Each structure stands twice: as structure tokens, then as C-alpha cells.
């Protein structure tokens, strides 16, 4: 059965925010029993990520994480009280792995190169952690990992002459595109590994679709693209090809607005 979708952002804010921002707090702010304990929130989060990387998000449970860090479940919950908390912590830590340049640090030249950098780092993140595609971040974990990504995209566009509202819309479009397409690529690779069958082999088993059921008169454009070699890429090549094509066209559209004083040539 396909993995179900989990939703981030379901934790109690008064509880999760100090955990998400634990590295920003001075050490003296932590309770003494937490500072001196042999276990830390970081240990619990790292264990959850390792389980998800190896066995999928559905395998992450309090009992399994507790066994991994060699404590009982009640002890585990003194560090991370719920699976909703753990999910937010895992997701934000993975988002932070992209390690975007902070303000004042070296970064690629120009807004376009920076946005391409954002998309490629996001793509690599999904390939390292394919379980992330099963997490809906409509309500994201409100931690430093999430905000670092948002800040990087906004700062890349800030040197253009788009209005603040357009900056926010463009940033949301870029983030949504990067997550969706990178997730689809990771999904394809994961499915090939778990099924032991390539996507090309899967299509090959369904060759009778074209031989018996496909009607060229009903689908003339599909036929034209096929006989013209438009579908020549393998399934393994098609997904990253779509990623690169879509990324360039999205950035082309943003580029059409740059230098126009925020005027959208499409009228939006």
C-alpha cells in the first residue's frame, strides 16, 4: 500500500517552538537535567531521520526510536513528547541540511543563479531523504531550517524591482515547484528500488496499451509527439528533464518582470 501523507505543523506551539529553536537559546536556558543527560533532542531527531531514511516514514514510532537510542518510551517522551513533535523536528533538521548561505556569506552571482542553487539543493535533499515526499508542509515546521530556505529565496529576489507582494508570490511559486518536482523524482527512484522494476520495464509490460487500445485518431497530438521522438527519453531521464525545463521556464517568467518596475507582462 502507498505510504500515507503526514502533516507537519501539528504540534503545540508553546512546546515545539523552544525545541525547534533550541540551538538559538543560550546553554544556561536549558533545564539542568537536560544539559547533563546522556541523551539529547538531537539524538532523538537523528534516530528518527535514520529510521525514516532506511525504512520509510511509516516505520518511525516512539517505540522504535526509543529502542534505537536505548531508552524506554517514557524516557524518550521527556525529550520529545509526541510523534507530531518528532515529525516537525525531523523535517526542520532536514530542511536545514541544505545549508544556504546566510546574509553576508558568499553565494552565486545574480538572482537567477541563486534560485537555481535553491532548487538544486532542495532536489538533493529529497534524494537523500525520500520519505520527505510523504510530508505535507502546508503548515510547515516553524524552525530555522524552514526559515533559512524562505529567507534565501526572498533575498535572491530582493535585488529586483518587484513589489513586496510579487516577491512573496514568486518565492511561494519557486518553493512549491522545487518541492513538488524534487519529490516526484525521489518518488520515482524509490519506487524502482522497492519494486525491483525500472519505470521503463513497467511501461514495457503495458505495451498492449499502444497495440490494442490506443487510437491515433482520438489522440492525434500524442501520436505526433511520439512519432517525432518527443517521448524518446527513458523514464529515468524524463523526470529530471522535466525538472530542469520547468525550472528554467519558471525563472524565465520571473525574469520577464525584472526591470519592468514590477509590471507583469502577462497582466497578472
Protein backbone atom coordinates (compact mmCIF):
# COMPACT_ATOMS: atom_id res chain seq x y z
CA UNK A 1 0.00 0.00 0.00
CA UNK A 2 1.23 3.54 -0.67
CA UNK A 3 2.52 5.48 2.29
CA UNK A 4 0.04 7.88 3.81
CA UNK A 5 0.64 11.59 3.92
CA UNK A 6 1.74 13.05 7.23
CA UNK A 7 1.19 16.70 8.06
CA UNK A 8 3.79 18.87 9.71
CA UNK A 9 2.78 21.75 11.95
CA UNK A 10 0.53 19.69 14.21
CA UNK A 11 2.42 20.28 17.44
CA UNK A 12 1.51 22.56 20.32
CA UNK A 13 3.34 25.82 19.53
CA UNK A 14 4.31 26.53 23.13
CA UNK A 15 6.02 23.13 23.28
CA UNK A 16 7.52 22.78 19.80
CA UNK A 17 8.97 26.26 19.28
CA UNK A 18 11.57 26.01 22.08
CA UNK A 19 12.60 22.60 20.72
CA UNK A 20 12.88 23.84 17.13
CA UNK A 21 14.93 26.84 18.24
CA UNK A 22 16.94 25.01 20.92
CA UNK A 23 20.27 25.89 19.32
CA UNK A 24 19.41 29.59 19.36
CA UNK A 25 18.89 29.59 23.13
CA UNK A 26 21.86 30.07 25.48
CA UNK A 27 23.00 26.88 27.18
CA UNK A 28 22.05 28.31 30.56
CA UNK A 29 18.41 28.40 29.43
CA UNK A 30 18.20 24.60 29.25
CA UNK A 31 17.00 22.72 32.34
CA UNK A 32 19.98 21.20 34.21
CA UNK A 33 18.70 17.64 33.91
CA UNK A 34 18.54 18.03 30.10
CA UNK A 35 22.02 19.54 29.79
CA UNK A 36 23.63 16.82 31.87
CA UNK A 37 21.71 13.86 30.47
CA UNK A 38 23.42 11.37 28.19
CA UNK A 39 20.60 11.77 25.66
CA UNK A 40 19.58 14.92 23.80
CA UNK A 41 16.82 16.09 21.50
CA UNK A 42 19.39 15.96 18.70
CA UNK A 43 19.96 12.26 19.37
CA UNK A 44 16.24 11.53 19.17
CA UNK A 45 15.77 13.54 15.96
CA UNK A 46 18.80 11.95 14.30
CA UNK A 47 17.48 8.49 15.19
CA UNK A 48 14.09 9.31 13.69
CA UNK A 49 15.69 10.53 10.46
CA UNK A 50 17.90 7.44 10.19
CA UNK A 51 14.88 5.14 10.63
CA UNK A 52 12.90 7.08 8.02
CA UNK A 53 15.84 7.05 5.58
CA UNK A 54 16.24 3.27 5.91
CA UNK A 55 12.67 2.06 6.33
CA UNK A 56 10.31 4.89 5.40
CA UNK A 57 8.36 7.42 7.41
CA UNK A 58 5.77 4.86 8.47
CA UNK A 59 8.44 2.98 10.42
CA UNK A 60 9.10 5.93 12.73
CA UNK A 61 7.39 5.28 16.06
CA UNK A 62 8.12 6.17 19.66
CA UNK A 63 8.95 2.56 20.49
CA UNK A 64 11.34 2.15 17.57
CA UNK A 65 13.10 5.45 18.19
CA UNK A 66 13.36 4.64 21.90
CA UNK A 67 14.95 1.29 21.11
CA UNK A 68 17.40 2.97 18.74
CA UNK A 69 18.61 5.42 21.37
CA UNK A 70 18.47 2.73 24.09
CA UNK A 71 15.86 4.22 26.42
CA UNK A 72 12.29 3.32 27.26
CA UNK A 73 9.35 5.20 25.74
CA UNK A 74 8.51 7.28 28.86
CA UNK A 75 12.12 8.48 28.98
CA UNK A 76 12.05 9.29 25.27
CA UNK A 77 8.95 11.42 25.81
CA UNK A 78 10.77 13.58 28.34
CA UNK A 79 12.86 14.78 25.39
CA UNK A 80 10.35 14.69 22.51
CA UNK A 81 6.82 14.29 23.90
CA UNK A 82 4.94 13.19 20.77
CA UNK A 83 5.33 11.86 17.24
CA UNK A 84 3.93 15.17 15.94
CA UNK A 85 6.79 16.95 17.70
CA UNK A 86 9.28 14.46 16.30
CA UNK A 87 7.99 14.94 12.75
CA UNK A 88 8.39 18.71 12.92
CA UNK A 89 11.88 18.35 14.36
CA UNK A 90 12.90 15.81 11.72
CA UNK A 91 11.58 17.89 8.84
CA UNK A 92 13.15 21.13 10.03
CA UNK A 93 16.51 19.45 10.59
CA UNK A 94 16.45 18.01 7.08
CA UNK A 95 15.46 21.40 5.64
CA UNK A 96 18.42 22.90 7.45
CA UNK A 97 20.80 20.41 5.82
CA UNK A 98 20.56 22.45 2.64
CA UNK A 99 22.91 24.91 4.39
CA UNK A 100 22.00 28.02 2.43
CA UNK A 101 24.39 30.97 2.68
CA UNK A 102 23.41 33.32 5.48
CA UNK A 103 23.30 37.10 4.94
CA UNK A 104 26.79 38.35 4.15
CA UNK A 105 28.14 34.91 3.21
CA UNK A 106 29.31 34.10 -0.35
CA UNK A 107 26.59 32.99 -2.74
CA UNK A 108 26.17 32.57 -6.50
CA UNK A 109 26.12 35.78 -8.55
CA UNK A 110 22.71 37.03 -9.61
CA UNK A 111 19.17 36.21 -8.57
CA UNK A 112 18.72 33.50 -11.18
CA UNK A 113 21.82 31.55 -10.18
CA UNK A 114 20.76 31.77 -6.54
CA UNK A 115 17.29 30.40 -7.28
CA UNK A 116 18.78 27.58 -9.35
CA UNK A 117 21.02 26.89 -6.36
CA UNK A 118 17.94 26.74 -4.12
CA UNK A 119 16.21 24.24 -6.40
CA UNK A 120 19.25 22.01 -6.78
CA UNK A 121 19.87 21.89 -3.03
CA UNK A 122 16.22 21.05 -2.48
CA UNK A 123 16.41 18.35 -5.13
CA UNK A 124 19.45 16.80 -3.43
CA UNK A 125 17.66 16.92 -0.07
CA UNK A 126 14.72 14.89 -1.37
CA UNK A 127 17.07 12.33 -2.88
CA UNK A 128 18.87 11.90 0.45
CA UNK A 129 15.59 11.72 2.38
CA UNK A 130 12.91 10.33 0.04
CA UNK A 131 10.42 9.99 2.92
CA UNK A 132 10.09 13.76 2.85
CA UNK A 133 7.78 13.46 -0.15
CA UNK A 134 5.18 11.94 2.20
CA UNK A 135 5.10 15.04 4.40
CA UNK A 136 2.70 17.87 3.61
CA UNK A 137 4.25 21.17 4.64
CA UNK A 138 1.18 23.31 4.05
CA UNK A 139 1.67 24.15 7.73
CA UNK A 140 5.46 23.97 7.93
CA UNK A 141 7.63 23.37 10.97
CA UNK A 142 8.35 26.93 12.08
CA UNK A 143 12.01 26.42 12.76
CA UNK A 144 15.36 27.69 11.49
CA UNK A 145 15.58 25.15 8.68
CA UNK A 146 12.31 26.30 7.12
CA UNK A 147 13.04 30.00 7.59
CA UNK A 148 16.56 29.71 6.14
CA UNK A 149 15.13 28.39 2.88
CA UNK A 150 12.45 31.06 2.70
CA UNK A 151 14.96 33.80 3.51
CA UNK A 152 17.35 32.60 0.80
CA UNK A 153 14.67 32.69 -1.89
CA UNK A 154 13.34 36.08 -0.82
CA UNK A 155 16.82 37.57 -0.55
CA UNK A 156 17.69 36.30 -4.04
CA UNK A 157 14.74 38.25 -5.43
CA UNK A 158 15.11 41.29 -3.19
CA UNK A 159 17.55 43.00 -5.55
CA UNK A 160 14.99 43.07 -8.33
CA UNK A 161 12.34 45.76 -8.77
CA UNK A 162 9.38 43.51 -7.99
CA UNK A 163 6.93 44.71 -5.36
CA UNK A 164 6.94 43.03 -1.93
CA UNK A 165 3.71 41.22 -2.81
CA UNK A 166 5.25 39.95 -6.05
CA UNK A 167 8.36 38.86 -4.17
CA UNK A 168 6.21 36.76 -1.83
CA UNK A 169 4.21 35.25 -4.72
CA UNK A 170 7.35 34.43 -6.68
CA UNK A 171 9.01 32.87 -3.63
CA UNK A 172 5.95 30.72 -2.93
CA UNK A 173 5.88 29.56 -6.56
CA UNK A 174 9.57 28.64 -6.51
CA UNK A 175 9.33 26.76 -3.21
CA UNK A 176 6.19 24.88 -4.32
CA UNK A 177 7.74 23.92 -7.67
CA UNK A 178 11.01 22.78 -6.10
CA UNK A 179 9.25 20.62 -3.50
CA UNK A 180 6.78 19.05 -5.92
CA UNK A 181 9.17 18.14 -8.72
CA UNK A 182 12.02 17.06 -6.44
CA UNK A 183 9.53 14.90 -4.54
CA UNK A 184 8.33 13.28 -7.77
CA UNK A 185 11.90 12.49 -8.79
CA UNK A 186 12.63 10.94 -5.39
CA UNK A 187 9.36 9.01 -5.59
CA UNK A 188 10.32 7.54 -8.96
CA UNK A 189 13.75 6.45 -7.74
CA UNK A 190 12.34 4.98 -4.52
CA UNK A 191 9.66 3.03 -6.39
CA UNK A 192 12.24 1.50 -8.71
CA UNK A 193 14.32 0.38 -5.73
CA UNK A 194 11.41 -1.02 -3.72
CA UNK A 195 9.74 -2.80 -6.65
CA UNK A 196 12.90 -4.08 -8.32
CA UNK A 197 11.47 -2.89 -11.61
CA UNK A 198 12.51 0.14 -13.63
CA UNK A 199 9.86 2.52 -14.90
CA UNK A 200 10.81 1.60 -18.46
CA UNK A 201 10.21 -2.07 -17.64
CA UNK A 202 6.84 -1.16 -16.13
CA UNK A 203 5.83 0.62 -19.33
CA UNK A 204 7.16 -2.28 -21.38
CA UNK A 205 4.78 -4.66 -19.62
CA UNK A 206 1.93 -2.44 -20.78
CA UNK A 207 2.86 -2.36 -24.44
CA UNK A 208 -0.58 -3.75 -25.32
CA UNK A 209 -1.99 -0.34 -24.41
CA UNK A 210 -0.48 1.03 -27.60
CA UNK A 211 -1.03 -2.06 -29.72
CA UNK A 212 -4.61 -2.85 -28.75
CA UNK A 213 -6.28 0.17 -27.17
CA UNK A 214 -4.54 3.33 -28.37
CA UNK A 215 -6.42 5.17 -31.13
CA UNK A 216 -4.25 7.59 -33.10
CA UNK A 217 -7.34 9.42 -34.34
CA UNK A 218 -8.55 10.01 -30.79
CA UNK A 219 -5.13 11.11 -29.55
CA UNK A 220 -3.53 12.80 -32.59
CA UNK A 221 -1.23 15.14 -30.67
CA UNK A 222 0.14 12.33 -28.53
CA UNK A 223 0.74 10.38 -31.73
CA UNK A 224 2.54 13.31 -33.35
CA UNK A 225 4.81 13.85 -30.35
CA UNK A 226 5.58 10.11 -30.20
CA UNK A 227 6.46 9.61 -33.85
CA UNK A 228 8.51 12.82 -33.79
CA UNK A 229 10.68 11.46 -30.99
CA UNK A 230 9.29 13.68 -28.23
CA UNK A 231 9.00 10.73 -25.86
CA UNK A 232 12.46 9.44 -26.65
CA UNK A 233 13.90 9.91 -23.18
CA UNK A 234 13.84 6.99 -20.81
CA UNK A 235 11.64 7.33 -17.74
CA UNK A 236 14.81 7.82 -15.70
CA UNK A 237 15.78 10.76 -17.90
CA UNK A 238 12.31 12.26 -18.26
CA UNK A 239 11.76 13.31 -14.64
CA UNK A 240 14.99 15.32 -14.18
CA UNK A 241 14.48 16.67 -17.69
CA UNK A 242 11.06 17.96 -16.68
CA UNK A 243 12.59 19.44 -13.52
CA UNK A 244 15.22 21.38 -15.47
CA UNK A 245 12.77 22.51 -18.15
CA UNK A 246 10.19 23.68 -15.62
CA UNK A 247 12.82 25.43 -13.51
CA UNK A 248 14.14 27.39 -16.48
CA UNK A 249 10.68 28.41 -17.69
CA UNK A 250 9.62 29.49 -14.21
CA UNK A 251 12.74 31.61 -13.89
CA UNK A 252 12.22 32.96 -17.42
CA UNK A 253 8.79 34.14 -16.34
CA UNK A 254 10.20 35.88 -13.28
CA UNK A 255 12.94 37.35 -15.44
CA UNK A 256 10.34 38.87 -17.76
CA UNK A 257 9.18 41.01 -14.82
CA UNK A 258 12.61 42.09 -13.66
CA UNK A 259 13.46 45.57 -14.94
CA UNK A 260 9.81 46.46 -15.55
CA UNK A 261 9.20 48.13 -12.22
CA UNK A 262 7.01 45.29 -11.03
CA UNK A 263 4.86 45.32 -14.16
CA UNK A 264 3.74 41.83 -15.13
CA UNK A 265 3.81 41.48 -18.94
CA UNK A 266 1.17 38.76 -18.64
CA UNK A 267 -1.16 41.19 -16.90
CA UNK A 268 -1.23 39.40 -13.51
